[in-house]
Amino acid sequence: MSSKNEIKLREKLIMQLEDYFLFISENDIRIKGHRLGIDNVLFYFLEGYSPEEINAIYPDLSLEKIYATITYYLQNQQKIDAYLLRLQNWRETRYQESLKNLSPQREKMRKIKQQRQDSIKV
């Protein structure tokens, strides 16, 4: 196969892979027909889970879509690694902000938890 044909085939494959996803924004890529982001599948894949094990976790997600997500990741690893890092940083920032701005109910629960921990130490 000539290199031009290989390039065309690769472009066609990538275009087909992209058809499995909704690119909502630079920081939000979801699997079409689901509320799941590609990060949900890739979290388990990067932890060493097989596609079949991921399917057991997300039974409504077809193996085809799981394989498409993994293949898309492998085809675009540098770009998707950067995406996953941005997402992780965004989530950590949101978490830290939530700790600073506790609702009265959460603050009350935090105090109760702290009192219980203090009483166990005594």
Foldseek 3Di string as FASTA:
>chain_A
DDPVVVVVVVVVLLVVLCVQWDCPDLQFIPGPPDPHGLVLLVVVVVVPDDLVRSCVVVVVDDSVNSVSSVVNCVVVVVSVVVSVVVNVVVVVVVVVVCVVVDDPVVVVVVVVVVVVVVVVVD
